Amino acid sequence: MNGGRVRLARGAIGIGISALALVLVLRQVDLARTAGVLAGAIPGWLALMVAFQLADVSLRGLRWQRLLAPIRRVALSRTFDYLLVGYLANNILPARLGELVRSHYLGDREGISRTTTLGTVVVERTVDTAVLVAIASLAILVLQVRGVVASAVLVGLALSGLLVVGLGVALVAHRLPGAGRVIAVVGRWPQVHELARRLRGGLAVASRPRTLGQAIGLSLLAWPSTVVATAAAGQSIGLELTTAQAALFAAGTALSTAIPSGPGYLGTFELAGVAIGAVLGIPAETSFALALIVHASVLVITSAGGTVAFLRIWRRSPAVVVPGMIEPSA
């Protein structure tokens, strides 16, 4: 009962933040001019944008498969299905609940502990955020950006550092002073102890240099694909972005999805786009149009792909979780 109330409260807060963000955006733009910018979009550039967005999603699916490999070998096509279902859930549910959805379905259909699977998602999100913030930080240095946007990136940099440190502590927690006493206390609640053990089994993939290196390398390929897609979207409406400008726009709008919001990050994504556009000297209507094009395309790709993936997953029978065979060796 309490869990349901918490989820409802979280969802309501997210929807409220999205609504506020939309109000702030609409107060800054002329919708008629924005419509005029969108009407002049060039199809060829839009097609190029979609191609690189698909490349980005493909690289993310491969990255998750590589993180899962030390635990269980999962076919790439099936990994894509679970990833896309998670993206679909993020589009229709608030607070990034899609991460739990994809962990549930992969664990359920592949015979892996859902908690262990969630651990690999935590590692994936940590690596992804670290690479994203690094790109954004480099962009603000190149562009010499100051003000709110630069401050937001610096906050992201600090949070990214905390995520990395937190992951490192989680991996070596059992070796820290006093760890034995903590383990003994937690051992009084067998279910909690087992959940912690399984979660650490997923987090432990980060302790494998080769696996972690592959995840970082694929992230360094995925984000440039997003940057190129953003630049192509700009070209479609006559906006010639430099590499650094496209990188800042792509990274800044992506970082905005970390803010609790309604389904599909509606509002927060567009507000970030307009704010970044203002820093780059882009008219509000043009930056709003750019954000709408990029955001709408991502939502369509992930929703369509996620729907097909859900139908494929629905036909699969749940697998049996085999105790003792779900965690990689530390």
Protein backbone atom coordinates (compact mmCIF):
# COMPACT_ATOMS: atom_id res chain seq x y z
CA MET A 1 0.00 0.00 0.00
CA ASN A 2 2.76 2.44 1.05
CA GLY A 3 4.82 1.51 -2.00
CA GLY A 4 1.87 2.27 -4.26
CA ARG A 5 1.39 5.65 -2.62
CA VAL A 6 5.06 6.50 -3.03
CA ARG A 7 4.93 5.63 -6.73
CA LEU A 8 1.77 7.71 -7.18
CA ALA A 9 3.35 10.65 -5.36
CA ARG A 10 6.52 10.35 -7.44
CA GLY A 11 4.47 10.21 -10.63
CA ALA A 12 2.42 13.23 -9.62
CA ILE A 13 5.56 15.23 -8.84
CA GLY A 14 7.09 14.26 -12.19
CA ILE A 15 3.98 15.28 -14.11
CA GLY A 16 3.88 18.56 -12.19
CA ILE A 17 7.51 19.30 -13.11
CA SER A 18 6.81 18.53 -16.76
CA ALA A 19 3.77 20.82 -16.75
CA LEU A 20 5.78 23.65 -15.17
CA ALA A 21 8.59 23.18 -17.70
CA LEU A 22 6.12 23.38 -20.59
CA VAL A 23 4.62 26.57 -19.20
CA LEU A 24 8.09 28.13 -18.93
CA VAL A 25 8.89 27.14 -22.52
CA LEU A 26 5.63 28.40 -23.97
CA ARG A 27 6.12 31.76 -22.29
CA GLN A 28 9.38 32.20 -24.21
CA VAL A 29 8.39 31.16 -27.73
CA ASP A 30 6.08 32.23 -30.50
CA LEU A 31 4.30 29.02 -31.53
CA ALA A 32 3.44 30.37 -34.98
CA ARG A 33 7.11 31.03 -35.72
CA THR A 34 8.06 27.63 -34.34
CA ALA A 35 5.51 26.02 -36.65
CA GLY A 36 7.01 27.93 -39.56
CA VAL A 37 10.49 26.62 -38.72
CA LEU A 38 9.18 23.05 -38.49
CA ALA A 39 7.29 23.36 -41.77
CA GLY A 40 10.54 24.11 -43.60
CA ALA A 41 12.38 21.03 -42.34
CA ILE A 42 14.33 19.21 -45.08
CA PRO A 43 13.44 15.47 -45.26
CA GLY A 44 16.92 14.35 -46.31
CA TRP A 45 18.54 15.75 -43.17
CA LEU A 46 15.76 14.27 -41.05
CA ALA A 47 16.47 10.85 -42.56
CA LEU A 48 20.16 11.23 -41.67
CA MET A 49 19.18 12.17 -38.11
CA VAL A 50 17.05 9.05 -37.78
CA ALA A 51 19.88 6.87 -39.14
CA PHE A 52 22.29 8.07 -36.46
CA GLN A 53 19.65 7.78 -33.74
CA LEU A 54 19.18 4.14 -34.75
CA ALA A 55 22.94 3.67 -34.62
CA ASP A 56 22.94 5.14 -31.11
CA VAL A 57 20.23 2.73 -29.90
CA SER A 58 22.05 -0.21 -31.52
CA LEU A 59 25.28 0.64 -29.73
CA ARG A 60 23.42 0.89 -26.43
CA GLY A 61 21.93 -2.56 -26.93
CA LEU A 62 25.37 -3.98 -27.66
CA ARG A 63 26.77 -2.23 -24.59
CA TRP A 64 24.19 -3.83 -22.30
CA GLN A 65 24.83 -7.25 -23.82
CA ARG A 66 28.55 -6.85 -23.07
CA LEU A 67 27.75 -5.95 -19.45
CA LEU A 68 25.49 -8.98 -19.13
CA ALA A 69 28.03 -11.36 -20.69
CA PRO A 70 29.90 -12.25 -17.45
CA ILE A 71 26.57 -13.26 -15.88
CA ARG A 72 24.72 -14.93 -18.73
CA ARG A 73 25.11 -14.97 -22.48
CA VAL A 74 22.02 -13.28 -23.94
CA ALA A 75 21.46 -13.08 -27.69
CA LEU A 76 21.88 -9.54 -29.05
CA SER A 77 18.41 -9.52 -30.62
CA ARG A 78 16.85 -10.46 -27.28
CA THR A 79 18.91 -7.85 -25.44
CA PHE A 80 17.58 -5.23 -27.87
CA ASP A 81 14.03 -6.38 -27.11
CA TYR A 82 14.43 -5.89 -23.36
CA LEU A 83 16.18 -2.54 -23.84
CA LEU A 84 13.47 -1.22 -26.15
CA VAL A 85 10.70 -2.34 -23.83
CA GLY A 86 12.42 -0.36 -21.10
CA TYR A 87 12.57 2.69 -23.36
CA LEU A 88 8.89 2.26 -24.21
CA ALA A 89 8.06 2.14 -20.49
CA ASN A 90 10.08 5.32 -19.92
CA ASN A 91 7.94 6.98 -22.61
CA ILE A 92 4.68 6.17 -20.85
CA LEU A 93 5.71 6.03 -17.18
CA PRO A 94 7.25 8.78 -15.02
CA ALA A 95 10.52 8.72 -13.04
CA ARG A 96 12.49 6.42 -15.42
CA LEU A 97 10.59 3.34 -14.24
CA GLY A 98 11.52 1.75 -17.56
CA GLU A 99 14.86 0.73 -16.03
CA LEU A 100 12.95 -1.54 -13.63
CA VAL A 101 10.73 -2.81 -16.44
CA ARG A 102 13.62 -3.96 -18.65
CA SER A 103 15.36 -5.54 -15.65
CA HIS A 104 12.16 -7.43 -14.84
CA TYR A 105 11.62 -8.82 -18.33
CA LEU A 106 15.22 -9.80 -18.97
CA GLY A 107 15.49 -11.48 -15.59
CA ASP A 108 12.14 -13.20 -16.01
CA ARG A 109 12.72 -14.48 -19.56
CA GLU A 110 16.43 -15.31 -19.32
CA GLY A 111 16.51 -16.97 -15.90
CA ILE A 112 18.65 -14.31 -14.22
CA SER A 113 17.87 -12.70 -10.89
CA ARG A 114 16.03 -9.43 -11.57
CA THR A 115 18.08 -7.78 -8.85
CA THR A 116 21.33 -8.93 -10.46
CA THR A 117 20.08 -7.63 -13.79
CA LEU A 118 19.26 -4.29 -12.18
CA GLY A 119 22.86 -4.17 -10.96
CA THR A 120 24.10 -4.26 -14.57
CA VAL A 121 21.68 -1.42 -15.40
CA VAL A 122 23.18 0.64 -12.56
CA VAL A 123 26.65 0.08 -14.01
CA GLU A 124 25.39 0.99 -17.49
CA ARG A 125 23.78 4.21 -16.27
CA THR A 126 26.91 5.16 -14.31
CA VAL A 127 29.18 4.68 -17.33
CA ASP A 128 26.72 6.44 -19.62
CA THR A 129 26.38 9.44 -17.31
CA ALA A 130 30.13 9.76 -16.82
CA VAL A 131 30.79 9.80 -20.58
CA LEU A 132 27.88 12.18 -21.20
CA VAL A 133 29.07 14.66 -18.57
CA ALA A 134 32.61 14.47 -19.92
CA ILE A 135 31.33 15.43 -23.39
CA ALA A 136 29.24 18.28 -21.96
CA SER A 137 32.18 19.54 -19.89
CA LEU A 138 34.47 19.53 -22.92
CA ALA A 139 31.82 21.39 -24.93
CA ILE A 140 31.43 24.20 -22.39
CA LEU A 141 35.22 24.58 -22.26
CA VAL A 142 35.49 24.82 -26.05
CA LEU A 143 32.55 27.23 -26.30
CA GLN A 144 33.55 29.11 -23.12
CA VAL A 145 29.98 28.89 -21.88
CA ARG A 146 29.08 30.40 -18.51
CA GLY A 147 25.94 30.92 -16.50
CA VAL A 148 23.13 28.49 -15.70
CA VAL A 149 24.01 25.94 -18.39
CA ALA A 150 27.65 25.75 -17.28
CA SER A 151 26.56 25.45 -13.65
CA ALA A 152 24.16 22.63 -14.53
CA VAL A 153 26.94 20.74 -16.30
CA LEU A 154 29.25 21.22 -13.30
CA VAL A 155 26.53 19.85 -11.01
CA GLY A 156 26.24 16.90 -13.39
CA LEU A 157 29.99 16.43 -13.20
CA ALA A 158 29.85 16.34 -9.41
CA LEU A 159 26.95 13.88 -9.41
CA SER A 160 28.75 11.72 -11.95
CA GLY A 161 31.77 11.62 -9.67
CA LEU A 162 29.55 10.57 -6.77
CA LEU A 163 28.05 7.77 -8.88
CA VAL A 164 31.49 6.45 -9.78
CA VAL A 165 32.68 6.65 -6.17
CA GLY A 166 29.47 5.00 -4.96
CA LEU A 167 29.89 2.15 -7.43
CA GLY A 168 33.50 1.69 -6.34
CA VAL A 169 32.52 1.62 -2.67
CA ALA A 170 29.77 -0.93 -3.37
CA LEU A 171 32.30 -3.23 -5.03
CA VAL A 172 34.79 -3.14 -2.14
CA ALA A 173 32.33 -2.66 0.73
CA HIS A 174 32.91 -6.19 2.02
CA ARG A 175 36.62 -5.38 2.52
CA LEU A 176 36.14 -2.11 4.40
CA PRO A 177 36.71 -1.84 8.19
CA GLY A 178 33.61 -2.89 10.08
CA ALA A 179 32.14 -4.68 7.07
CA GLY A 180 31.93 -7.94 9.02
CA ARG A 181 29.72 -6.40 11.68
CA VAL A 182 27.44 -4.84 9.07
CA ILE A 183 27.13 -8.17 7.25
CA ALA A 184 26.30 -9.89 10.52
CA VAL A 185 23.55 -7.37 11.27
CA VAL A 186 22.10 -7.59 7.76
CA GLY A 187 22.25 -11.37 8.03
CA ARG A 188 19.41 -11.19 10.55
CA TRP A 189 17.14 -10.42 7.60
CA PRO A 190 17.84 -13.20 5.07
CA GLN A 191 15.76 -11.61 2.31
CA VAL A 192 17.62 -8.29 2.55
CA HIS A 193 20.95 -10.10 2.66
CA GLU A 194 20.03 -12.11 -0.45
CA LEU A 195 18.89 -9.02 -2.36
CA ALA A 196 22.14 -7.25 -1.50
CA ARG A 197 24.14 -10.28 -2.62
CA ARG A 198 22.33 -10.45 -5.94
CA LEU A 199 22.61 -6.72 -6.56
CA ARG A 200 26.33 -6.89 -5.95
CA GLY A 201 26.46 -9.77 -8.42
CA GLY A 202 25.29 -7.35 -11.12
CA LEU A 203 27.47 -4.47 -9.94
CA ALA A 204 30.50 -6.78 -9.98
CA VAL A 205 30.66 -6.65 -13.79
CA ALA A 206 32.29 -3.23 -13.30
CA SER A 207 35.24 -4.94 -11.61
CA ARG A 208 36.15 -6.70 -14.87
CA PRO A 209 38.53 -4.42 -16.81
CA ARG A 210 37.64 -5.86 -20.21
CA THR A 211 33.88 -5.62 -19.65
CA LEU A 212 34.13 -2.09 -18.25
CA GLY A 213 36.42 -1.06 -21.10
CA GLN A 214 33.94 -2.35 -23.67
CA ALA A 215 31.10 -0.44 -21.98
CA ILE A 216 33.09 2.79 -21.99
CA GLY A 217 34.20 2.28 -25.58
CA LEU A 218 30.66 1.67 -26.82
CA SER A 219 29.47 4.75 -24.89
CA LEU A 220 32.17 6.79 -26.63
CA LEU A 221 30.69 5.62 -29.94
CA ALA A 222 27.03 6.02 -28.99
CA TRP A 223 27.15 9.63 -27.84
CA PRO A 224 28.96 10.95 -30.95
CA SER A 225 26.15 9.30 -32.94
CA THR A 226 23.69 11.39 -30.93
CA VAL A 227 25.77 14.51 -31.56
CA VAL A 228 25.76 13.89 -35.33
CA ALA A 229 22.00 13.25 -35.21
CA THR A 230 21.53 16.58 -33.42
CA ALA A 231 23.66 18.40 -35.99
CA ALA A 232 21.63 16.79 -38.82
CA ALA A 233 18.39 17.89 -37.13
CA GLY A 234 19.78 21.41 -36.99
CA GLN A 235 20.68 21.33 -40.68
CA SER A 236 17.13 20.23 -41.49
CA ILE A 237 15.83 23.59 -40.26
CA GLY A 238 18.69 25.68 -41.60
CA LEU A 239 20.67 25.77 -38.35
CA GLU A 240 24.38 25.05 -38.84
CA LEU A 241 25.72 23.88 -35.51
CA THR A 242 29.42 23.40 -34.84
CA THR A 243 30.48 20.08 -33.36
CA ALA A 244 30.84 21.66 -29.91
CA GLN A 245 27.41 23.32 -30.15
CA ALA A 246 25.73 20.09 -31.25
CA ALA A 247 27.53 18.22 -28.45
CA LEU A 248 26.37 20.73 -25.82
CA PHE A 249 22.78 20.64 -27.10
CA ALA A 250 22.73 16.83 -27.22
CA ALA A 251 24.39 16.40 -23.84
CA GLY A 252 22.40 19.14 -22.13
CA THR A 253 19.02 17.85 -23.25
CA ALA A 254 20.05 14.31 -22.32
CA LEU A 255 21.10 15.42 -18.84
CA SER A 256 17.67 17.02 -18.42
CA THR A 257 16.12 13.54 -18.54
CA ALA A 258 17.68 12.88 -15.12
CA ILE A 259 15.27 15.45 -13.65
CA PRO A 260 12.13 13.77 -12.24
CA SER A 261 9.47 14.42 -14.87
CA GLY A 262 6.39 13.04 -16.53
CA PRO A 263 6.29 10.32 -19.19
CA GLY A 264 8.79 10.71 -22.03
CA TYR A 265 10.59 13.61 -20.27
CA LEU A 266 8.04 15.92 -21.87
CA GLY A 267 8.72 19.55 -21.04
CA THR A 268 12.08 19.22 -19.30
CA PHE A 269 13.75 18.17 -22.57
CA GLU A 270 12.30 21.16 -24.45
CA LEU A 271 13.10 23.61 -21.65
CA ALA A 272 16.72 22.46 -21.63
CA GLY A 273 16.86 22.87 -25.41
CA VAL A 274 15.59 26.46 -25.27
CA ALA A 275 17.96 27.32 -22.41
CA ILE A 276 20.98 25.92 -24.26
CA GLY A 277 19.87 27.63 -27.46
CA ALA A 278 19.79 30.97 -25.62
CA VAL A 279 23.39 30.47 -24.47
CA LEU A 280 24.42 29.68 -28.05
CA GLY A 281 22.61 32.72 -29.42
CA ILE A 282 19.90 30.71 -31.17
CA PRO A 283 16.39 32.21 -31.32
CA ALA A 284 14.00 30.54 -28.88
CA GLU A 285 11.65 29.41 -31.66
CA THR A 286 14.49 27.73 -33.56
CA SER A 287 15.95 25.97 -30.51
CA PHE A 288 12.44 24.88 -29.49
CA ALA A 289 11.86 23.47 -32.98
CA LEU A 290 15.20 21.63 -32.81
CA ALA A 291 14.33 20.13 -29.43
CA LEU A 292 10.90 19.07 -30.71
CA ILE A 293 12.36 17.37 -33.79
CA VAL A 294 15.01 15.44 -31.86
CA HIS A 295 12.69 14.53 -28.99
CA ALA A 296 9.76 13.48 -31.20
CA SER A 297 12.02 11.31 -33.36
CA VAL A 298 13.50 9.53 -30.33
CA LEU A 299 10.03 8.94 -28.88
CA VAL A 300 8.71 7.51 -32.15
CA ILE A 301 11.73 5.23 -32.67
CA THR A 302 11.74 3.86 -29.12
CA SER A 303 7.95 3.58 -28.87
CA ALA A 304 7.59 1.75 -32.18
CA GLY A 305 10.57 -0.48 -31.47
CA GLY A 306 9.42 -1.06 -27.90
CA THR A 307 5.93 -2.10 -29.03
CA VAL A 308 7.32 -4.68 -31.45
CA ALA A 309 9.78 -5.87 -28.79
CA PHE A 310 7.00 -6.24 -26.21
CA LEU A 311 4.99 -8.44 -28.56
CA ARG A 312 8.09 -10.60 -29.14
CA ILE A 313 8.83 -10.88 -25.43
CA TRP A 314 5.21 -11.67 -24.60
CA ARG A 315 5.47 -14.90 -26.59
CA ARG A 316 8.45 -16.11 -24.56
CA SER A 317 7.90 -18.26 -21.52
CA PRO A 318 9.51 -17.22 -18.23
CA ALA A 319 12.75 -19.05 -17.52
CA VAL A 320 13.71 -20.69 -14.26
CA VAL A 321 16.24 -18.84 -12.13
CA VAL A 322 19.01 -21.24 -11.09
CA PRO A 323 20.46 -20.24 -7.69
CA GLY A 324 24.23 -20.03 -7.59
CA MET A 325 24.57 -19.45 -11.34
CA ILE A 326 23.50 -15.85 -11.63
CA GLU A 327 26.49 -13.85 -10.46
CA PRO A 328 29.91 -13.34 -12.04
CA SER A 329 32.93 -14.08 -9.93
CA ALA A 330 34.15 -10.95 -8.14
